[in-house]
Amino acid sequence: MIRVLVVDDHPLVRESLKIIIEREPDLTVCGEAEDREKALELAAAFEAHLAIVDLTLKNSHGLELIKDLGNRCPKIKILVLSMRDEALYAERVIRAGARGFITKQETPGKILLAIRQVLNGEIHLSEKASAHVVSKVARSSRTSAGFSVEGLTDREIQVFELIGAGQSTRQIATALHINASTVETYRARIKEKLNLKNAIELLQCAIRWSNDPKY
């Protein structure tokens, strides 16, 4: 049996994925996790063949988990299943070590297709995202205010998301396992890159972007 680890902070999503996966005679869900620590523990304990990972996790970020899984369980294959904007994240997750990206809006059939492709050693992306990654054409995700998140680093994106979720500097530091002064440095860099004048503009833009990553 092919052992699949499901990592998502929503119990309903995990249960739905389990139903979809276990309809297949050769697939079984060996474990479920809502955060980084549990996911790493279960991946090693069950020697999972595949991890299906959301980018938004409890007390952590999926990009960090992808990197950690690659370091600790080098044989595991990773498929990202997320509501986040594929145009922004597809190349980032592949760079981090995942083998594919699929959105939660897709049908069960397409999710199973993505699982099969990743298990077969292929990369699964939409046609649009594939073109973006292969050609490395610069694309922008601009707001009406004129800022672009494309130029943010992976860590800056994580901080930006947590700001949009209403977390304080101390909470962000705890979630990302860094100190508060480092968070402040990231906040300053984000403001500069997004051409934002102050903390209020940063918070407003982060909240809007968090609610609609295509904003």
N, C-alpha and C. Protein backbone atom coordinates (compact mmCIF):
# COMPACT_ATOMS: atom_id res chain seq x y z
N MET A 1 0.84 -1.21 0.00
CA MET A 1 0.00 0.00 0.00
C MET A 1 0.87 1.26 0.00
N ILE A 2 0.42 2.25 -0.73
CA ILE A 2 1.11 3.54 -0.76
C ILE A 2 0.59 4.38 0.40
N ARG A 3 1.50 4.79 1.27
CA ARG A 3 1.12 5.51 2.49
C ARG A 3 1.14 7.02 2.24
N VAL A 4 0.01 7.65 2.55
CA VAL A 4 -0.15 9.09 2.30
C VAL A 4 -0.37 9.81 3.62
N LEU A 5 0.39 10.87 3.83
CA LEU A 5 0.24 11.73 5.00
C LEU A 5 -0.50 12.99 4.58
N VAL A 6 -1.56 13.34 5.31
CA VAL A 6 -2.36 14.53 4.99
C VAL A 6 -2.09 15.60 6.03
N VAL A 7 -1.63 16.78 5.58
CA VAL A 7 -1.27 17.86 6.49
C VAL A 7 -2.09 19.10 6.13
N ASP A 8 -3.05 19.41 6.99
CA ASP A 8 -3.94 20.55 6.77
C ASP A 8 -4.51 20.96 8.12
N ASP A 9 -4.70 22.26 8.32
CA ASP A 9 -5.18 22.72 9.63
C ASP A 9 -6.70 22.67 9.77
N HIS A 10 -7.41 22.19 8.73
CA HIS A 10 -8.86 22.07 8.81
C HIS A 10 -9.27 20.59 8.85
N PRO A 11 -9.89 20.14 9.95
CA PRO A 11 -10.31 18.74 10.06
C PRO A 11 -11.21 18.27 8.92
N LEU A 12 -12.10 19.16 8.45
CA LEU A 12 -13.02 18.79 7.38
C LEU A 12 -12.26 18.49 6.08
N VAL A 13 -11.24 19.28 5.80
CA VAL A 13 -10.43 19.04 4.60
C VAL A 13 -9.69 17.71 4.73
N ARG A 14 -9.12 17.46 5.89
CA ARG A 14 -8.41 16.20 6.10
C ARG A 14 -9.34 15.00 5.91
N GLU A 15 -10.54 15.10 6.47
CA GLU A 15 -11.49 14.00 6.36
C GLU A 15 -11.93 13.79 4.92
N SER A 16 -12.17 14.88 4.20
CA SER A 16 -12.57 14.78 2.79
C SER A 16 -11.47 14.14 1.95
N LEU A 17 -10.23 14.55 2.19
CA LEU A 17 -9.11 13.96 1.46
C LEU A 17 -8.96 12.48 1.77
N LYS A 18 -9.16 12.12 3.02
CA LYS A 18 -9.05 10.72 3.41
C LYS A 18 -10.07 9.87 2.67
N ILE A 19 -11.29 10.37 2.54
CA ILE A 19 -12.34 9.64 1.82
C ILE A 19 -11.95 9.45 0.35
N ILE A 20 -11.47 10.55 -0.27
CA ILE A 20 -11.07 10.49 -1.68
C ILE A 20 -9.93 9.50 -1.88
N ILE A 21 -8.92 9.58 -1.02
CA ILE A 21 -7.72 8.76 -1.17
C ILE A 21 -8.01 7.29 -0.93
N GLU A 22 -8.78 6.98 0.10
CA GLU A 22 -8.96 5.57 0.48
C GLU A 22 -10.00 4.86 -0.38
N ARG A 23 -10.59 5.55 -1.33
CA ARG A 23 -11.39 4.87 -2.35
C ARG A 23 -10.49 4.11 -3.33
N GLU A 24 -9.24 4.53 -3.39
CA GLU A 24 -8.28 3.89 -4.28
C GLU A 24 -7.72 2.64 -3.60
N PRO A 25 -7.71 1.51 -4.28
CA PRO A 25 -7.31 0.25 -3.64
C PRO A 25 -5.85 0.18 -3.18
N ASP A 26 -5.00 1.00 -3.78
CA ASP A 26 -3.57 0.93 -3.44
C ASP A 26 -3.10 2.10 -2.59
N LEU A 27 -4.03 2.97 -2.16
CA LEU A 27 -3.65 4.14 -1.37
C LEU A 27 -4.29 4.07 0.02
N THR A 28 -3.54 4.52 1.02
CA THR A 28 -4.09 4.60 2.37
C THR A 28 -3.53 5.83 3.08
N VAL A 29 -4.35 6.47 3.90
CA VAL A 29 -3.89 7.60 4.69
C VAL A 29 -3.27 7.04 5.97
N CYS A 30 -1.98 7.21 6.12
CA CYS A 30 -1.27 6.65 7.27
C CYS A 30 -1.27 7.60 8.46
N GLY A 31 -1.59 8.87 8.22
CA GLY A 31 -1.60 9.82 9.32
C GLY A 31 -2.13 11.18 8.90
N GLU A 32 -2.55 11.95 9.88
CA GLU A 32 -3.06 13.30 9.65
C GLU A 32 -2.39 14.26 10.63
N ALA A 33 -2.10 15.47 10.17
CA ALA A 33 -1.46 16.47 11.04
C ALA A 33 -1.97 17.85 10.69
N GLU A 34 -1.96 18.75 11.68
CA GLU A 34 -2.38 20.12 11.45
C GLU A 34 -1.23 21.11 11.58
N ASP A 35 -0.05 20.61 11.97
CA ASP A 35 1.09 21.51 12.14
C ASP A 35 2.40 20.82 11.74
N ARG A 36 3.45 21.60 11.73
CA ARG A 36 4.75 21.13 11.27
C ARG A 36 5.31 20.00 12.12
N GLU A 37 5.27 20.16 13.44
CA GLU A 37 5.89 19.19 14.34
C GLU A 37 5.27 17.81 14.19
N LYS A 38 3.93 17.77 14.20
CA LYS A 38 3.24 16.49 14.07
C LYS A 38 3.48 15.87 12.71
N ALA A 39 3.50 16.70 11.68
CA ALA A 39 3.73 16.19 10.33
C ALA A 39 5.10 15.53 10.21
N LEU A 40 6.12 16.16 10.74
CA LEU A 40 7.46 15.59 10.69
C LEU A 40 7.54 14.29 11.47
N GLU A 41 6.88 14.27 12.62
CA GLU A 41 6.86 13.06 13.45
C GLU A 41 6.20 11.89 12.71
N LEU A 42 5.03 12.14 12.11
CA LEU A 42 4.29 11.08 11.45
C LEU A 42 4.96 10.63 10.15
N ALA A 43 5.54 11.57 9.43
CA ALA A 43 6.20 11.22 8.17
C ALA A 43 7.33 10.23 8.41
N ALA A 44 8.09 10.45 9.49
CA ALA A 44 9.19 9.55 9.82
C ALA A 44 8.68 8.23 10.41
N ALA A 45 7.69 8.32 11.29
CA ALA A 45 7.18 7.12 11.96
C ALA A 45 6.56 6.13 10.99
N PHE A 46 5.79 6.63 10.02
CA PHE A 46 5.08 5.76 9.08
C PHE A 46 5.81 5.58 7.76
N GLU A 47 6.96 6.27 7.60
CA GLU A 47 7.71 6.22 6.35
C GLU A 47 6.77 6.48 5.16
N ALA A 48 6.07 7.61 5.25
CA ALA A 48 5.09 7.96 4.23
C ALA A 48 5.74 8.11 2.86
N HIS A 49 5.03 7.65 1.85
CA HIS A 49 5.51 7.80 0.48
C HIS A 49 5.17 9.18 -0.09
N LEU A 50 4.04 9.73 0.38
CA LEU A 50 3.57 11.01 -0.15
C LEU A 50 2.99 11.85 0.99
N ALA A 51 3.29 13.13 0.98
CA ALA A 51 2.67 14.08 1.90
C ALA A 51 1.89 15.09 1.08
N ILE A 52 0.62 15.25 1.43
CA ILE A 52 -0.21 16.30 0.82
C ILE A 52 -0.26 17.44 1.82
N VAL A 53 0.26 18.60 1.45
CA VAL A 53 0.52 19.67 2.40
C VAL A 53 -0.19 20.96 2.00
N ASP A 54 -0.89 21.55 2.96
CA ASP A 54 -1.44 22.89 2.76
C ASP A 54 -0.36 23.91 3.10
N LEU A 55 -0.47 25.11 2.56
CA LEU A 55 0.51 26.14 2.87
C LEU A 55 0.20 26.85 4.18
N THR A 56 -1.06 26.90 4.56
CA THR A 56 -1.46 27.54 5.81
C THR A 56 -1.70 26.47 6.86
N LEU A 57 -0.81 26.39 7.84
CA LEU A 57 -0.89 25.37 8.88
C LEU A 57 -0.97 26.02 10.25
N LYS A 58 -1.34 25.24 11.23
CA LYS A 58 -1.41 25.73 12.60
C LYS A 58 0.01 26.00 13.11
N ASN A 59 0.27 27.25 13.49
CA ASN A 59 1.55 27.65 14.09
C ASN A 59 2.75 27.46 13.18
N SER A 60 2.54 27.39 11.88
CA SER A 60 3.67 27.20 10.98
C SER A 60 3.24 27.50 9.54
N HIS A 61 4.18 27.37 8.63
CA HIS A 61 3.90 27.63 7.22
C HIS A 61 4.33 26.43 6.40
N GLY A 62 3.53 26.11 5.38
CA GLY A 62 3.80 24.95 4.57
C GLY A 62 5.15 24.96 3.86
N LEU A 63 5.63 26.13 3.47
CA LEU A 63 6.93 26.19 2.79
C LEU A 63 8.05 25.68 3.69
N GLU A 64 8.00 26.02 4.96
CA GLU A 64 9.02 25.55 5.90
C GLU A 64 8.91 24.04 6.09
N LEU A 65 7.67 23.54 6.15
CA LEU A 65 7.48 22.10 6.30
C LEU A 65 8.02 21.35 5.09
N ILE A 66 7.78 21.87 3.90
CA ILE A 66 8.29 21.22 2.69
C ILE A 66 9.80 21.07 2.76
N LYS A 67 10.48 22.12 3.15
CA LYS A 67 11.94 22.07 3.25
C LYS A 67 12.38 21.08 4.32
N ASP A 68 11.70 21.08 5.46
CA ASP A 68 12.05 20.17 6.55
C ASP A 68 11.81 18.72 6.17
N LEU A 69 10.69 18.45 5.50
CA LEU A 69 10.41 17.08 5.06
C LEU A 69 11.49 16.59 4.09
N GLY A 70 11.90 17.47 3.19
CA GLY A 70 12.95 17.09 2.25
C GLY A 70 14.26 16.75 2.93
N ASN A 71 14.58 17.46 4.00
CA ASN A 71 15.82 17.22 4.73
C ASN A 71 15.75 15.96 5.58
N ARG A 72 14.60 15.74 6.23
CA ARG A 72 14.48 14.63 7.19
C ARG A 72 13.99 13.34 6.55
N CYS A 73 13.20 13.46 5.51
CA CYS A 73 12.63 12.28 4.83
C CYS A 73 12.87 12.43 3.33
N PRO A 74 14.10 12.29 2.87
CA PRO A 74 14.44 12.61 1.48
C PRO A 74 13.69 11.80 0.42
N LYS A 75 13.13 10.65 0.80
CA LYS A 75 12.42 9.82 -0.18
C LYS A 75 10.96 10.22 -0.35
N ILE A 76 10.44 11.02 0.56
CA ILE A 76 9.02 11.37 0.50
C ILE A 76 8.76 12.33 -0.65
N LYS A 77 7.63 12.15 -1.31
CA LYS A 77 7.19 13.08 -2.35
C LYS A 77 6.13 14.00 -1.76
N ILE A 78 6.09 15.24 -2.22
CA ILE A 78 5.21 16.24 -1.61
C ILE A 78 4.34 16.90 -2.67
N LEU A 79 3.05 16.93 -2.40
CA LEU A 79 2.08 17.63 -3.24
C LEU A 79 1.42 18.72 -2.40
N VAL A 80 1.43 19.94 -2.87
CA VAL A 80 0.78 21.05 -2.16
C VAL A 80 -0.66 21.16 -2.63
N LEU A 81 -1.58 21.21 -1.67
CA LEU A 81 -3.00 21.42 -1.93
C LEU A 81 -3.42 22.65 -1.15
N SER A 82 -3.74 23.73 -1.84
CA SER A 82 -3.91 25.00 -1.14
C SER A 82 -4.93 25.90 -1.84
N MET A 83 -5.43 26.87 -1.06
CA MET A 83 -6.29 27.92 -1.61
C MET A 83 -5.45 29.09 -2.11
N ARG A 84 -4.17 29.08 -1.84
CA ARG A 84 -3.31 30.19 -2.22
C ARG A 84 -3.16 30.31 -3.73
N ASP A 85 -2.72 31.49 -4.16
CA ASP A 85 -2.60 31.81 -5.58
C ASP A 85 -1.48 30.99 -6.21
N GLU A 86 -1.84 30.13 -7.15
CA GLU A 86 -0.85 29.28 -7.80
C GLU A 86 0.20 30.10 -8.55
N ALA A 87 -0.22 31.21 -9.13
CA ALA A 87 0.73 32.04 -9.88
C ALA A 87 1.87 32.52 -9.00
N LEU A 88 1.57 32.77 -7.73
CA LEU A 88 2.60 33.24 -6.81
C LEU A 88 3.39 32.10 -6.18
N TYR A 89 2.71 31.00 -5.88
CA TYR A 89 3.33 29.96 -5.06
C TYR A 89 3.88 28.75 -5.80
N ALA A 90 3.44 28.51 -7.03
CA ALA A 90 3.86 27.28 -7.72
C ALA A 90 5.37 27.15 -7.79
N GLU A 91 6.05 28.18 -8.27
CA GLU A 91 7.50 28.10 -8.39
C GLU A 91 8.16 28.01 -7.02
N ARG A 92 7.60 28.70 -6.03
CA ARG A 92 8.18 28.67 -4.68
C ARG A 92 8.13 27.27 -4.08
N VAL A 93 7.00 26.58 -4.23
CA VAL A 93 6.89 25.26 -3.61
C VAL A 93 7.78 24.24 -4.34
N ILE A 94 7.90 24.36 -5.65
CA ILE A 94 8.79 23.46 -6.39
C ILE A 94 10.23 23.70 -5.97
N ARG A 95 10.60 24.97 -5.84
CA ARG A 95 11.94 25.31 -5.39
C ARG A 95 12.21 24.76 -3.99
N ALA A 96 11.19 24.74 -3.16
CA ALA A 96 11.35 24.27 -1.78
C ALA A 96 11.47 22.75 -1.71
N GLY A 97 11.00 22.05 -2.76
CA GLY A 97 11.15 20.59 -2.77
C GLY A 97 9.88 19.82 -3.07
N ALA A 98 8.74 20.50 -3.23
CA ALA A 98 7.49 19.81 -3.57
C ALA A 98 7.54 19.38 -5.03
N ARG A 99 6.65 18.43 -5.36
CA ARG A 99 6.60 17.92 -6.73
C ARG A 99 5.35 18.37 -7.47
N GLY A 100 4.51 19.17 -6.79
CA GLY A 100 3.32 19.63 -7.46
C GLY A 100 2.52 20.59 -6.63
N PHE A 101 1.60 21.28 -7.30
CA PHE A 101 0.70 22.23 -6.66
C PHE A 101 -0.66 22.08 -7.30
N ILE A 102 -1.71 21.96 -6.47
CA ILE A 102 -3.07 21.91 -6.98
C ILE A 102 -3.96 22.69 -6.01
N THR A 103 -4.94 23.37 -6.55
CA THR A 103 -5.81 24.18 -5.71
C THR A 103 -6.96 23.35 -5.15
N LYS A 104 -7.50 23.81 -4.03
CA LYS A 104 -8.60 23.10 -3.38
C LYS A 104 -9.90 23.21 -4.15
N GLN A 105 -9.95 24.08 -5.15
CA GLN A 105 -11.16 24.21 -5.96
C GLN A 105 -11.31 23.08 -6.97
N GLU A 106 -10.24 22.29 -7.16
CA GLU A 106 -10.28 21.24 -8.17
C GLU A 106 -11.15 20.06 -7.73
N THR A 107 -11.58 19.25 -8.68
CA THR A 107 -12.44 18.10 -8.42
C THR A 107 -11.63 16.96 -7.80
N PRO A 108 -12.31 16.02 -7.12
CA PRO A 108 -11.61 14.85 -6.58
C PRO A 108 -10.82 14.10 -7.65
N GLY A 109 -11.39 14.02 -8.86
CA GLY A 109 -10.68 13.33 -9.94
C GLY A 109 -9.35 13.98 -10.28
N LYS A 110 -9.34 15.30 -10.32
CA LYS A 110 -8.09 16.01 -10.64
C LYS A 110 -7.09 15.93 -9.50
N ILE A 111 -7.59 15.89 -8.27
CA ILE A 111 -6.70 15.72 -7.13
C ILE A 111 -6.03 14.35 -7.18
N LEU A 112 -6.80 13.33 -7.51
CA LEU A 112 -6.22 11.98 -7.64
C LEU A 112 -5.22 11.92 -8.79
N LEU A 113 -5.51 12.61 -9.88
CA LEU A 113 -4.58 12.66 -11.00
C LEU A 113 -3.26 13.30 -10.56
N ALA A 114 -3.35 14.38 -9.80
CA ALA A 114 -2.15 15.04 -9.29
C ALA A 114 -1.36 14.10 -8.38
N ILE A 115 -2.07 13.38 -7.52
CA ILE A 115 -1.41 12.41 -6.62
C ILE A 115 -0.66 11.37 -7.44
N ARG A 116 -1.31 10.83 -8.46
CA ARG A 116 -0.68 9.79 -9.29
C ARG A 116 0.55 10.32 -10.02
N GLN A 117 0.44 11.51 -10.54
CA GLN A 117 1.57 12.08 -11.28
C GLN A 117 2.78 12.28 -10.36
N VAL A 118 2.52 12.81 -9.17
CA VAL A 118 3.61 13.04 -8.23
C VAL A 118 4.23 11.71 -7.79
N LEU A 119 3.39 10.71 -7.51
CA LEU A 119 3.91 9.39 -7.12
C LEU A 119 4.73 8.76 -8.23
N ASN A 120 4.39 9.08 -9.48
CA ASN A 120 5.13 8.54 -10.63
C ASN A 120 6.41 9.32 -10.94
N GLY A 121 6.71 10.30 -10.09
CA GLY A 121 7.94 11.06 -10.28
C GLY A 121 7.80 12.26 -11.19
N GLU A 122 6.56 12.59 -11.57
CA GLU A 122 6.33 13.75 -12.43
C GLU A 122 6.04 15.00 -11.60
N ILE A 123 6.10 16.14 -12.26
CA ILE A 123 5.71 17.41 -11.66
C ILE A 123 4.28 17.70 -12.06
N HIS A 124 3.43 18.03 -11.09
CA HIS A 124 2.05 18.39 -11.43
C HIS A 124 1.82 19.87 -11.17
N LEU A 125 1.53 20.60 -12.24
CA LEU A 125 1.13 22.00 -12.17
C LEU A 125 0.08 22.24 -13.25
N SER A 126 -0.70 23.30 -13.08
CA SER A 126 -1.61 23.67 -14.16
C SER A 126 -0.79 24.11 -15.36
N GLU A 127 -1.41 24.17 -16.52
CA GLU A 127 -0.69 24.59 -17.73
C GLU A 127 -0.11 25.99 -17.56
N LYS A 128 -0.89 26.86 -16.97
CA LYS A 128 -0.43 28.24 -16.78
C LYS A 128 0.77 28.29 -15.85
N ALA A 129 0.70 27.54 -14.74
CA ALA A 129 1.81 27.55 -13.79
C ALA A 129 3.03 26.87 -14.38
N SER A 130 2.83 25.83 -15.17
CA SER A 130 3.96 25.15 -15.81
C SER A 130 4.71 26.11 -16.72
N ALA A 131 3.97 26.88 -17.49
CA ALA A 131 4.60 27.84 -18.37
C ALA A 131 5.38 28.88 -17.57
N HIS A 132 4.82 29.26 -16.45
CA HIS A 132 5.47 30.26 -15.59
C HIS A 132 6.78 29.72 -15.04
N VAL A 133 6.76 28.48 -14.55
CA VAL A 133 7.95 27.90 -13.94
C VAL A 133 9.01 27.59 -14.98
N VAL A 134 8.60 26.98 -16.08
CA VAL A 134 9.57 26.56 -17.09
C VAL A 134 10.24 27.75 -17.75
N SER A 135 9.45 28.73 -18.13
CA SER A 135 10.01 29.89 -18.82
C SER A 135 10.56 30.94 -17.89
N LYS A 136 10.15 30.86 -16.59
CA LYS A 136 10.57 31.83 -15.57
C LYS A 136 10.28 33.26 -16.00
N VAL A 137 9.12 33.40 -16.61
CA VAL A 137 8.69 34.73 -17.01
C VAL A 137 8.21 35.47 -15.77
N ALA A 138 8.69 36.68 -15.60
CA ALA A 138 8.27 37.46 -14.44
C ALA A 138 6.81 37.85 -14.58
N ARG A 139 6.04 37.51 -13.56
CA ARG A 139 4.65 37.90 -13.52
C ARG A 139 4.42 38.75 -12.28
N SER A 140 3.45 39.59 -12.33
CA SER A 140 3.17 40.44 -11.18
C SER A 140 1.77 40.20 -10.66
N SER A 141 1.63 40.35 -9.32
CA SER A 141 0.33 40.28 -8.67
C SER A 141 0.13 41.62 -7.98
N ARG A 142 -0.35 42.60 -8.75
CA ARG A 142 -0.38 43.97 -8.26
C ARG A 142 -1.75 44.35 -7.71
N THR A 143 -1.70 45.16 -6.72
CA THR A 143 -2.94 45.70 -6.18
C THR A 143 -3.23 47.03 -6.87
N SER A 144 -4.40 47.55 -6.59
CA SER A 144 -4.74 48.86 -7.15
C SER A 144 -3.83 49.94 -6.60
N ALA A 145 -3.20 49.66 -5.46
CA ALA A 145 -2.26 50.61 -4.88
C ALA A 145 -0.92 50.54 -5.56
N GLY A 146 -0.73 49.50 -6.39
CA GLY A 146 0.48 49.41 -7.18
C GLY A 146 1.59 48.57 -6.58
N PHE A 147 1.32 47.79 -5.53
CA PHE A 147 2.42 46.99 -5.02
C PHE A 147 2.38 45.58 -5.58
N SER A 148 3.52 44.91 -5.58
CA SER A 148 3.63 43.56 -6.09
C SER A 148 4.29 42.67 -5.06
N VAL A 149 3.66 41.53 -4.76
CA VAL A 149 4.23 40.60 -3.78
C VAL A 149 5.23 39.65 -4.43
N GLU A 150 5.34 39.70 -5.74
CA GLU A 150 6.22 38.77 -6.45
C GLU A 150 7.67 38.89 -5.99
N GLY A 151 8.09 40.09 -5.60
CA GLY A 151 9.47 40.30 -5.22
C GLY A 151 9.82 39.93 -3.79
N LEU A 152 8.83 39.51 -3.01
CA LEU A 152 9.10 39.13 -1.62
C LEU A 152 9.74 37.75 -1.57
N THR A 153 10.64 37.57 -0.62
CA THR A 153 11.24 36.25 -0.40
C THR A 153 10.22 35.33 0.26
N ASP A 154 10.53 34.04 0.32
CA ASP A 154 9.63 33.09 0.97
C ASP A 154 9.34 33.50 2.41
N ARG A 155 10.37 33.88 3.14
CA ARG A 155 10.19 34.26 4.55
C ARG A 155 9.38 35.55 4.66
N GLU A 156 9.61 36.49 3.77
CA GLU A 156 8.83 37.73 3.80
C GLU A 156 7.36 37.47 3.50
N ILE A 157 7.10 36.53 2.59
CA ILE A 157 5.72 36.15 2.31
C ILE A 157 5.06 35.58 3.56
N GLN A 158 5.80 34.74 4.28
CA GLN A 158 5.26 34.14 5.50
C GLN A 158 4.92 35.21 6.54
N VAL A 159 5.83 36.16 6.72
CA VAL A 159 5.59 37.25 7.67
C VAL A 159 4.39 38.08 7.23
N PHE A 160 4.33 38.37 5.93
CA PHE A 160 3.23 39.16 5.38
C PHE A 160 1.88 38.47 5.64
N GLU A 161 1.83 37.17 5.43
CA GLU A 161 0.60 36.41 5.67
C GLU A 161 0.18 36.50 7.14
N LEU A 162 1.15 36.36 8.02
CA LEU A 162 0.84 36.37 9.45
C LEU A 162 0.41 37.76 9.92
N ILE A 163 0.98 38.79 9.31
CA ILE A 163 0.51 40.15 9.60
C ILE A 163 -0.95 40.27 9.18
N GLY A 164 -1.27 39.75 8.00
CA GLY A 164 -2.64 39.79 7.51
C GLY A 164 -3.60 39.00 8.36
N ALA A 165 -3.08 38.00 9.07
CA ALA A 165 -3.91 37.19 9.97
C ALA A 165 -4.10 37.85 11.33
N GLY A 166 -3.51 39.06 11.48
CA GLY A 166 -3.69 39.81 12.71
C GLY A 166 -2.72 39.46 13.82
N GLN A 167 -1.64 38.77 13.49
CA GLN A 167 -0.70 38.37 14.54
C GLN A 167 0.29 39.48 14.85
N SER A 168 0.65 39.57 16.12
CA SER A 168 1.60 40.58 16.58
C SER A 168 3.03 40.15 16.23
N THR A 169 3.96 41.05 16.41
CA THR A 169 5.37 40.74 16.16
C THR A 169 5.82 39.55 17.00
N ARG A 170 5.42 39.54 18.26
CA ARG A 170 5.82 38.44 19.15
C ARG A 170 5.20 37.11 18.69
N GLN A 171 3.95 37.15 18.29
CA GLN A 171 3.29 35.93 17.81
C GLN A 171 3.94 35.41 16.53
N ILE A 172 4.29 36.33 15.64
CA ILE A 172 4.96 35.94 14.40
C ILE A 172 6.31 35.31 14.70
N ALA A 173 7.05 35.92 15.63
CA ALA A 173 8.35 35.39 16.02
C ALA A 173 8.22 33.97 16.55
N THR A 174 7.21 33.73 17.37
CA THR A 174 6.99 32.40 17.93
C THR A 174 6.63 31.40 16.85
N ALA A 175 5.73 31.81 15.95
CA ALA A 175 5.27 30.91 14.89
C ALA A 175 6.40 30.51 13.95
N LEU A 176 7.31 31.44 13.67
CA LEU A 176 8.38 31.18 12.70
C LEU A 176 9.70 30.81 13.35
N HIS A 177 9.69 30.74 14.70
CA HIS A 177 10.88 30.34 15.45
C HIS A 177 12.07 31.29 15.20
N ILE A 178 11.77 32.58 15.21
CA ILE A 178 12.79 33.61 15.09
C ILE A 178 12.55 34.63 16.19
N ASN A 179 13.48 35.58 16.37
CA ASN A 179 13.27 36.56 17.42
C ASN A 179 12.52 37.78 16.91
N ALA A 180 12.00 38.56 17.85
CA ALA A 180 11.14 39.69 17.50
C ALA A 180 11.87 40.73 16.65
N SER A 181 13.14 40.96 16.92
CA SER A 181 13.89 41.95 16.15
C SER A 181 14.03 41.53 14.69
N THR A 182 14.13 40.24 14.46
CA THR A 182 14.20 39.74 13.09
C THR A 182 12.87 39.97 12.37
N VAL A 183 11.77 39.78 13.08
CA VAL A 183 10.46 40.06 12.50
C VAL A 183 10.35 41.52 12.10
N GLU A 184 10.83 42.41 12.97
CA GLU A 184 10.79 43.84 12.66
C GLU A 184 11.63 44.15 11.42
N THR A 185 12.74 43.46 11.26
CA THR A 185 13.56 43.65 10.07
C THR A 185 12.79 43.24 8.81
N TYR A 186 12.11 42.10 8.91
CA TYR A 186 11.30 41.65 7.77
C TYR A 186 10.17 42.63 7.48
N ARG A 187 9.55 43.15 8.52
CA ARG A 187 8.46 44.12 8.32
C ARG A 187 8.98 45.35 7.57
N ALA A 188 10.17 45.80 7.94
CA ALA A 188 10.76 46.98 7.29
C ALA A 188 11.06 46.68 5.81
N ARG A 189 11.58 45.49 5.55
CA ARG A 189 11.89 45.12 4.16
C ARG A 189 10.62 45.02 3.32
N ILE A 190 9.57 44.46 3.91
CA ILE A 190 8.30 44.33 3.19
C ILE A 190 7.73 45.70 2.84
N LYS A 191 7.75 46.60 3.83
CA LYS A 191 7.25 47.96 3.57
C LYS A 191 8.03 48.62 2.44
N GLU A 192 9.32 48.43 2.44
CA GLU A 192 10.15 49.05 1.40
C GLU A 192 9.84 48.45 0.03
N LYS A 193 9.75 47.12 -0.04
CA LYS A 193 9.50 46.45 -1.32
C LYS A 193 8.11 46.75 -1.87
N LEU A 194 7.14 46.90 -0.96
CA LEU A 194 5.77 47.14 -1.41
C LEU A 194 5.43 48.62 -1.46
N ASN A 195 6.43 49.46 -1.17
CA ASN A 195 6.25 50.91 -1.24
C ASN A 195 5.13 51.38 -0.31
N LEU A 196 5.18 50.88 0.92
CA LEU A 196 4.19 51.24 1.93
C LEU A 196 4.83 52.22 2.92
N LYS A 197 4.06 53.19 3.34
CA LYS A 197 4.63 54.28 4.13
C LYS A 197 4.79 53.94 5.61
N ASN A 198 3.87 53.17 6.15
CA ASN A 198 3.91 52.95 7.60
C ASN A 198 3.26 51.61 7.96
N ALA A 199 3.21 51.33 9.27
CA ALA A 199 2.68 50.06 9.75
C ALA A 199 1.20 49.90 9.48
N ILE A 200 0.47 51.00 9.46
CA ILE A 200 -0.97 50.94 9.19
C ILE A 200 -1.22 50.49 7.76
N GLU A 201 -0.49 51.08 6.81
CA GLU A 201 -0.64 50.67 5.40
C GLU A 201 -0.23 49.21 5.23
N LEU A 202 0.82 48.81 5.93
CA LEU A 202 1.27 47.43 5.86
C LEU A 202 0.18 46.49 6.34
N LEU A 203 -0.42 46.80 7.47
CA LEU A 203 -1.47 45.96 8.03
C LEU A 203 -2.68 45.90 7.09
N GLN A 204 -3.09 47.06 6.58
CA GLN A 204 -4.25 47.10 5.69
C GLN A 204 -4.03 46.26 4.43
N CYS A 205 -2.86 46.41 3.83
CA CYS A 205 -2.56 45.66 2.60
C CYS A 205 -2.43 44.17 2.89
N ALA A 206 -1.82 43.83 4.02
CA ALA A 206 -1.65 42.42 4.38
C ALA A 206 -3.01 41.76 4.61
N ILE A 207 -3.92 42.46 5.26
CA ILE A 207 -5.26 41.92 5.50
C ILE A 207 -5.99 41.71 4.18
N ARG A 208 -5.94 42.71 3.29
CA ARG A 208 -6.62 42.57 2.01
C ARG A 208 -6.04 41.42 1.19
N TRP A 209 -4.71 41.32 1.18
CA TRP A 209 -4.07 40.27 0.41
C TRP A 209 -4.33 38.90 1.02
N SER A 210 -4.37 38.83 2.34
CA SER A 210 -4.64 37.57 3.02
C SER A 210 -6.03 37.05 2.67
N ASN A 211 -6.99 37.98 2.56
CA ASN A 211 -8.35 37.59 2.22
C ASN A 211 -8.53 37.27 0.75
N ASP A 212 -7.68 37.85 -0.08
CA ASP A 212 -7.75 37.59 -1.52
C ASP A 212 -6.34 37.70 -2.10
N PRO A 213 -5.59 36.57 -2.17
CA PRO A 213 -4.21 36.60 -2.66
C PRO A 213 -4.05 37.13 -4.07
N LYS A 214 -5.15 37.20 -4.86
CA LYS A 214 -5.06 37.76 -6.22
C LYS A 214 -5.29 39.26 -6.22
N TYR A 215 -5.54 39.80 -5.02
CA TYR A 215 -5.83 41.24 -4.91
C TYR A 215 -4.65 42.05 -5.39
